[in-house]
Amino acid sequence: MFYHEVRHFETQNTKSEITLKYLHLLSKKLIFSISPKPVMEFSLPPRQEWEGYRKEFCQKVNGHVELFEPESKGDVRYVYLCVENDLGGMFKNQLIQIEIPKFIVDDYLFDLHSLCYVRLVDFCSDGISEYMKKKKKHLSAAYLSWVPVVKFREGYIFIAALQINKASIEQLYPSESIVNYPYDYWK
């Protein structure tokens, strides 16, 4: 279902169907390890109050990340992703740790900064392109497609792919830890 929806949207934007199939095959070579226990649980203010809360929240998150981050393992990167807590409880969100030792496959880079969680119900009702636009996560011309890389809870973790020769230095050599904050816009 995902491939059909993306193929329909992407091929309208002059992207080759063969490239899209190839990207989805390459994404199977990526290695993702999701920690079963969240780094922290939290509740967020409404989006319009986020800017006033962001600095305090980032300091709190950085403190938790330092406690959970394992010792350096060379090329391994850790992405901390804010996801909705589908498991119930008093907090509405969780920060999960994803270990990613490989994010470049062949001549393609899967951008760690774009990593995000999409519930299946949201994907099915809006389609991936519309959902990402609502969440202010737009693909620039350098990116080829959104790719689902791993099933997680009631949805999938998605990442954006691009050709390695179009990647920035920050994308090629990301820091050891990346926190993808809620409400932050991404392009």
C-alpha atoms as a PDB file:
ATOM      1  CA  MET A   1       0.000   0.000   0.000  1.00  0.00           C
ATOM      2  CA  PHE A   2       2.778   2.435   0.895  1.00  0.00           C
ATOM      3  CA  TYR A   3       4.717   1.724  -2.269  1.00  0.00           C
ATOM      4  CA  HIS A   4       1.620   2.233  -4.439  1.00  0.00           C
ATOM      5  CA  GLU A   5       0.812   5.580  -2.790  1.00  0.00           C
ATOM      6  CA  VAL A   6       4.384   6.878  -2.995  1.00  0.00           C
ATOM      7  CA  ARG A   7       4.833   5.651  -6.571  1.00  0.00           C
ATOM      8  CA  HIS A   8       1.678   7.481  -7.651  1.00  0.00           C
ATOM      9  CA  PHE A   9       2.734  10.745  -5.971  1.00  0.00           C
ATOM     10  CA  GLU A  10       6.440  10.621  -6.762  1.00  0.00           C
ATOM     11  CA  THR A  11       6.165   9.628 -10.419  1.00  0.00           C
ATOM     12  CA  GLN A  12       3.937  12.654 -10.944  1.00  0.00           C
ATOM     13  CA  ASN A  13       6.919  14.692  -9.797  1.00  0.00           C
ATOM     14  CA  THR A  14       9.130  13.241 -12.567  1.00  0.00           C
ATOM     15  CA  LYS A  15      10.916  10.738 -10.360  1.00  0.00           C
ATOM     16  CA  SER A  16      11.681   7.362 -11.816  1.00  0.00           C
ATOM     17  CA  GLU A  17       9.617   4.404 -10.628  1.00  0.00           C
ATOM     18  CA  ILE A  18      12.746   2.239 -10.910  1.00  0.00           C
ATOM     19  CA  THR A  19      14.590   4.561  -8.480  1.00  0.00           C
ATOM     20  CA  LEU A  20      11.719   4.322  -5.988  1.00  0.00           C
ATOM     21  CA  LYS A  21      11.720   0.525  -6.109  1.00  0.00           C
ATOM     22  CA  TYR A  22      15.495   0.538  -5.689  1.00  0.00           C
ATOM     23  CA  LEU A  23      15.298   2.853  -2.647  1.00  0.00           C
ATOM     24  CA  HIS A  24      12.811   0.579  -0.960  1.00  0.00           C
ATOM     25  CA  LEU A  25      15.068  -2.410  -1.595  1.00  0.00           C
ATOM     26  CA  LEU A  26      18.095  -0.496  -0.262  1.00  0.00           C
ATOM     27  CA  SER A  27      16.218   0.501   2.886  1.00  0.00           C
ATOM     28  CA  LYS A  28      16.095  -3.169   3.849  1.00  0.00           C
ATOM     29  CA  LYS A  29      19.904  -3.044   4.231  1.00  0.00           C
ATOM     30  CA  LEU A  30      19.686  -0.300   6.861  1.00  0.00           C
ATOM     31  CA  ILE A  31      20.188  -1.440  10.428  1.00  0.00           C
ATOM     32  CA  PHE A  32      17.896  -0.030  13.116  1.00  0.00           C
ATOM     33  CA  SER A  33      17.850  -1.083  16.730  1.00  0.00           C
ATOM     34  CA  ILE A  34      15.133   0.505  18.845  1.00  0.00           C
ATOM     35  CA  SER A  35      15.587   0.468  22.593  1.00  0.00           C
ATOM     36  CA  PRO A  36      12.555  -1.225  24.195  1.00  0.00           C
ATOM     37  CA  LYS A  37      12.518   1.168  27.150  1.00  0.00           C
ATOM     38  CA  PRO A  38      11.909   4.881  26.491  1.00  0.00           C
ATOM     39  CA  VAL A  39      14.585   7.363  27.557  1.00  0.00           C
ATOM     40  CA  MET A  40      11.892   9.557  29.113  1.00  0.00           C
ATOM     41  CA  GLU A  41       8.165  10.213  29.124  1.00  0.00           C
ATOM     42  CA  PHE A  42       6.673  13.688  28.950  1.00  0.00           C
ATOM     43  CA  SER A  43       3.705  15.828  28.055  1.00  0.00           C
ATOM     44  CA  LEU A  44       3.915  18.762  25.681  1.00  0.00           C
ATOM     45  CA  PRO A  45       2.137  22.092  25.609  1.00  0.00           C
ATOM     46  CA  PRO A  46       0.034  22.955  22.541  1.00  0.00           C
ATOM     47  CA  ARG A  47       2.041  23.767  19.375  1.00  0.00           C
ATOM     48  CA  GLN A  48       1.504  27.525  19.729  1.00  0.00           C
ATOM     49  CA  GLU A  49       3.254  27.454  23.140  1.00  0.00           C
ATOM     50  CA  TRP A  50       6.205  25.310  21.961  1.00  0.00           C
ATOM     51  CA  GLU A  51       8.689  28.125  21.266  1.00  0.00           C
ATOM     52  CA  GLY A  52       8.469  29.382  24.851  1.00  0.00           C
ATOM     53  CA  TYR A  53       8.887  25.845  26.196  1.00  0.00           C
ATOM     54  CA  ARG A  54      11.522  24.557  23.738  1.00  0.00           C
ATOM     55  CA  LYS A  55      14.726  25.748  25.476  1.00  0.00           C
ATOM     56  CA  GLU A  56      13.727  24.285  28.849  1.00  0.00           C
ATOM     57  CA  PHE A  57      12.593  21.043  27.193  1.00  0.00           C
ATOM     58  CA  CYS A  58      15.855  20.681  25.214  1.00  0.00           C
ATOM     59  CA  GLN A  59      17.931  21.062  28.387  1.00  0.00           C
ATOM     60  CA  LYS A  60      15.868  18.391  30.113  1.00  0.00           C
ATOM     61  CA  VAL A  61      16.169  16.031  27.131  1.00  0.00           C
ATOM     62  CA  ASN A  62      19.929  16.548  26.846  1.00  0.00           C
ATOM     63  CA  GLY A  63      20.295  15.531  30.498  1.00  0.00           C
ATOM     64  CA  HIS A  64      18.386  12.292  29.882  1.00  0.00           C
ATOM     65  CA  VAL A  65      20.243  11.566  26.640  1.00  0.00           C
ATOM     66  CA  GLU A  66      23.602  11.821  28.412  1.00  0.00           C
ATOM     67  CA  LEU A  67      22.461   9.190  30.919  1.00  0.00           C
ATOM     68  CA  PHE A  68      21.241   6.733  28.288  1.00  0.00           C
ATOM     69  CA  GLU A  69      23.844   7.177  25.585  1.00  0.00           C
ATOM     70  CA  PRO A  70      26.255   4.251  25.379  1.00  0.00           C
ATOM     71  CA  GLU A  71      29.987   4.750  24.937  1.00  0.00           C
ATOM     72  CA  SER A  72      31.115   5.622  21.417  1.00  0.00           C
ATOM     73  CA  LYS A  73      30.966   2.704  18.973  1.00  0.00           C
ATOM     74  CA  GLY A  74      32.714   4.291  16.001  1.00  0.00           C
ATOM     75  CA  ASP A  75      30.254   4.944  13.180  1.00  0.00           C
ATOM     76  CA  VAL A  76      27.121   4.211  15.209  1.00  0.00           C
ATOM     77  CA  ARG A  77      24.658   7.098  15.499  1.00  0.00           C
ATOM     78  CA  TYR A  78      21.847   7.483  17.997  1.00  0.00           C
ATOM     79  CA  VAL A  79      18.654   9.251  17.052  1.00  0.00           C
ATOM     80  CA  TYR A  80      16.287  10.199  19.848  1.00  0.00           C
ATOM     81  CA  LEU A  81      12.796  10.400  18.496  1.00  0.00           C
ATOM     82  CA  CYS A  82       9.711  11.855  20.193  1.00  0.00           C
ATOM     83  CA  VAL A  83       6.694   9.615  19.626  1.00  0.00           C
ATOM     84  CA  GLU A  84       3.143   9.540  20.911  1.00  0.00           C
ATOM     85  CA  ASN A  85       2.687   7.127  23.800  1.00  0.00           C
ATOM     86  CA  ASP A  86       0.260   4.541  22.410  1.00  0.00           C
ATOM     87  CA  LEU A  87       0.681   2.461  25.547  1.00  0.00           C
ATOM     88  CA  GLY A  88      -1.407   4.745  27.743  1.00  0.00           C
ATOM     89  CA  GLY A  89      -0.226   6.162  31.020  1.00  0.00           C
ATOM     90  CA  MET A  90      -0.115   9.656  32.402  1.00  0.00           C
ATOM     91  CA  PHE A  91       2.372  11.048  29.843  1.00  0.00           C
ATOM     92  CA  LYS A  92       1.320  11.540  26.232  1.00  0.00           C
ATOM     93  CA  ASN A  93       4.786  11.296  24.639  1.00  0.00           C
ATOM     94  CA  GLN A  94       7.949   9.235  24.888  1.00  0.00           C
ATOM     95  CA  LEU A  95      11.522   9.776  23.787  1.00  0.00           C
ATOM     96  CA  ILE A  96      12.894   6.594  22.240  1.00  0.00           C
ATOM     97  CA  GLN A  97      16.487   5.767  21.347  1.00  0.00           C
ATOM     98  CA  ILE A  98      17.268   4.332  17.917  1.00  0.00           C
ATOM     99  CA  GLU A  99      20.737   2.955  17.239  1.00  0.00           C
ATOM    100  CA  ILE A 100      21.747   3.254  13.577  1.00  0.00           C
ATOM    101  CA  PRO A 101      25.124   1.867  12.538  1.00  0.00           C
ATOM    102  CA  LYS A 102      24.467   2.117   8.793  1.00  0.00           C
ATOM    103  CA  PHE A 103      22.613   4.927   7.038  1.00  0.00           C
ATOM    104  CA  ILE A 104      24.474   5.065   3.695  1.00  0.00           C
ATOM    105  CA  VAL A 105      23.801   2.268   1.215  1.00  0.00           C
ATOM    106  CA  ASP A 106      25.374   2.199  -2.244  1.00  0.00           C
ATOM    107  CA  ASP A 107      25.138   5.781  -3.544  1.00  0.00           C
ATOM    108  CA  TYR A 108      22.200   6.788  -1.367  1.00  0.00           C
ATOM    109  CA  LEU A 109      22.022   8.456   2.025  1.00  0.00           C
ATOM    110  CA  PHE A 110      19.104   8.060   4.407  1.00  0.00           C
ATOM    111  CA  ASP A 111      18.960  11.356   6.315  1.00  0.00           C
ATOM    112  CA  LEU A 112      18.949  10.752  10.078  1.00  0.00           C
ATOM    113  CA  HIS A 113      17.610  14.251  10.728  1.00  0.00           C
ATOM    114  CA  SER A 114      14.414  13.350   8.868  1.00  0.00           C
ATOM    115  CA  LEU A 115      13.616  10.241  10.938  1.00  0.00           C
ATOM    116  CA  CYS A 116      10.019  10.372  12.180  1.00  0.00           C
ATOM    117  CA  TYR A 117       7.225   8.138  13.412  1.00  0.00           C
ATOM    118  CA  VAL A 118       3.916   7.901  11.556  1.00  0.00           C
ATOM    119  CA  ARG A 119       0.974   5.951  12.917  1.00  0.00           C
ATOM    120  CA  LEU A 120      -0.633   3.608  10.401  1.00  0.00           C
ATOM    121  CA  VAL A 121      -4.049   5.246  10.843  1.00  0.00           C
ATOM    122  CA  ASP A 122      -2.566   8.653   9.886  1.00  0.00           C
ATOM    123  CA  PHE A 123      -0.749   7.205   6.894  1.00  0.00           C
ATOM    124  CA  CYS A 124      -3.867   5.402   5.655  1.00  0.00           C
ATOM    125  CA  SER A 125      -6.179   8.379   6.038  1.00  0.00           C
ATOM    126  CA  ASP A 126      -3.932  11.110   4.596  1.00  0.00           C
ATOM    127  CA  GLY A 127      -1.247   9.375   2.551  1.00  0.00           C
ATOM    128  CA  ILE A 128       2.387   9.953   3.405  1.00  0.00           C
ATOM    129  CA  SER A 129       2.837  13.143   1.397  1.00  0.00           C
ATOM    130  CA  GLU A 130      -0.185  14.933   2.889  1.00  0.00           C
ATOM    131  CA  TYR A 131       0.655  13.741   6.392  1.00  0.00           C
ATOM    132  CA  MET A 132       4.230  15.063   6.146  1.00  0.00           C
ATOM    133  CA  LYS A 133       3.014  18.415   4.783  1.00  0.00           C
ATOM    134  CA  LYS A 134       0.658  18.778   7.763  1.00  0.00           C
ATOM    135  CA  LYS A 135       3.586  18.069  10.089  1.00  0.00           C
ATOM    136  CA  LYS A 136       5.772  20.618   8.244  1.00  0.00           C
ATOM    137  CA  LYS A 137       8.148  17.939   6.959  1.00  0.00           C
ATOM    138  CA  HIS A 138       8.614  18.790   3.292  1.00  0.00           C
ATOM    139  CA  LEU A 139      11.001  17.111   0.880  1.00  0.00           C
ATOM    140  CA  SER A 140      13.270  19.521  -0.956  1.00  0.00           C
ATOM    141  CA  ALA A 141      14.227  18.794  -4.562  1.00  0.00           C
ATOM    142  CA  ALA A 142      17.381  16.942  -3.414  1.00  0.00           C
ATOM    143  CA  TYR A 143      15.343  14.212  -1.701  1.00  0.00           C
ATOM    144  CA  LEU A 144      13.963  11.305  -3.661  1.00  0.00           C
ATOM    145  CA  SER A 145      11.330   9.813  -1.378  1.00  0.00           C
ATOM    146  CA  TRP A 146      10.085   9.006   2.108  1.00  0.00           C
ATOM    147  CA  VAL A 147      10.864   5.404   2.965  1.00  0.00           C
ATOM    148  CA  PRO A 148       9.343   3.282   5.765  1.00  0.00           C
ATOM    149  CA  VAL A 149      12.285   1.550   7.450  1.00  0.00           C
ATOM    150  CA  VAL A 150      10.868  -0.309  10.422  1.00  0.00           C
ATOM    151  CA  LYS A 151       7.468  -1.150  11.901  1.00  0.00           C
ATOM    152  CA  PHE A 152       7.097   0.390  15.334  1.00  0.00           C
ATOM    153  CA  ARG A 153       4.067   0.001  17.587  1.00  0.00           C
ATOM    154  CA  GLU A 154       0.995   1.100  15.622  1.00  0.00           C
ATOM    155  CA  GLY A 155       2.877   2.562  12.646  1.00  0.00           C
ATOM    156  CA  TYR A 156       6.223   2.938  10.931  1.00  0.00           C
ATOM    157  CA  ILE A 157       9.392   4.917  11.321  1.00  0.00           C
ATOM    158  CA  PHE A 158      10.044   6.832   8.094  1.00  0.00           C
ATOM    159  CA  ILE A 159      13.240   8.375   6.749  1.00  0.00           C
ATOM    160  CA  ALA A 160      13.960  10.533   3.685  1.00  0.00           C
ATOM    161  CA  ALA A 161      16.425   9.310   1.057  1.00  0.00           C
ATOM    162  CA  LEU A 162      18.675  11.237  -1.318  1.00  0.00           C
ATOM    163  CA  GLN A 163      21.628  10.615  -3.581  1.00  0.00           C
ATOM    164  CA  ILE A 164      24.888  10.852  -1.685  1.00  0.00           C
ATOM    165  CA  ASN A 165      26.324  13.477  -4.047  1.00  0.00           C
ATOM    166  CA  LYS A 166      23.476  15.837  -3.049  1.00  0.00           C
ATOM    167  CA  ALA A 167      23.991  15.410   0.697  1.00  0.00           C
ATOM    168  CA  SER A 168      25.359  18.174   2.908  1.00  0.00           C
ATOM    169  CA  ILE A 169      28.356  17.708   5.208  1.00  0.00           C
ATOM    170  CA  GLU A 170      25.982  17.588   8.204  1.00  0.00           C
ATOM    171  CA  GLN A 171      24.017  14.769   6.566  1.00  0.00           C
ATOM    172  CA  LEU A 172      27.140  12.815   5.590  1.00  0.00           C
ATOM    173  CA  TYR A 173      28.789  13.209   9.003  1.00  0.00           C
ATOM    174  CA  PRO A 174      26.000  13.679  11.548  1.00  0.00           C
ATOM    175  CA  SER A 175      26.821  14.056  15.220  1.00  0.00           C
ATOM    176  CA  GLU A 176      26.812  10.922  17.354  1.00  0.00           C
ATOM    177  CA  SER A 177      23.480  11.922  18.883  1.00  0.00           C
ATOM    178  CA  ILE A 178      20.586  13.592  17.138  1.00  0.00           C
ATOM    179  CA  VAL A 179      17.354  14.557  18.864  1.00  0.00           C
ATOM    180  CA  ASN A 180      14.395  15.011  16.546  1.00  0.00           C
ATOM    181  CA  TYR A 181      12.204  17.315  18.617  1.00  0.00           C
ATOM    182  CA  PRO A 182       8.426  17.472  18.379  1.00  0.00           C
ATOM    183  CA  TYR A 183       6.920  20.470  16.578  1.00  0.00           C
ATOM    184  CA  ASP A 184      10.250  21.349  14.941  1.00  0.00           C
ATOM    185  CA  TYR A 185       9.924  21.989  11.236  1.00  0.00           C
ATOM    186  CA  TRP A 186      12.067  20.012   8.851  1.00  0.00           C
ATOM    187  CA  LYS A 187      12.982  20.638   5.224  1.00  0.00           C
END
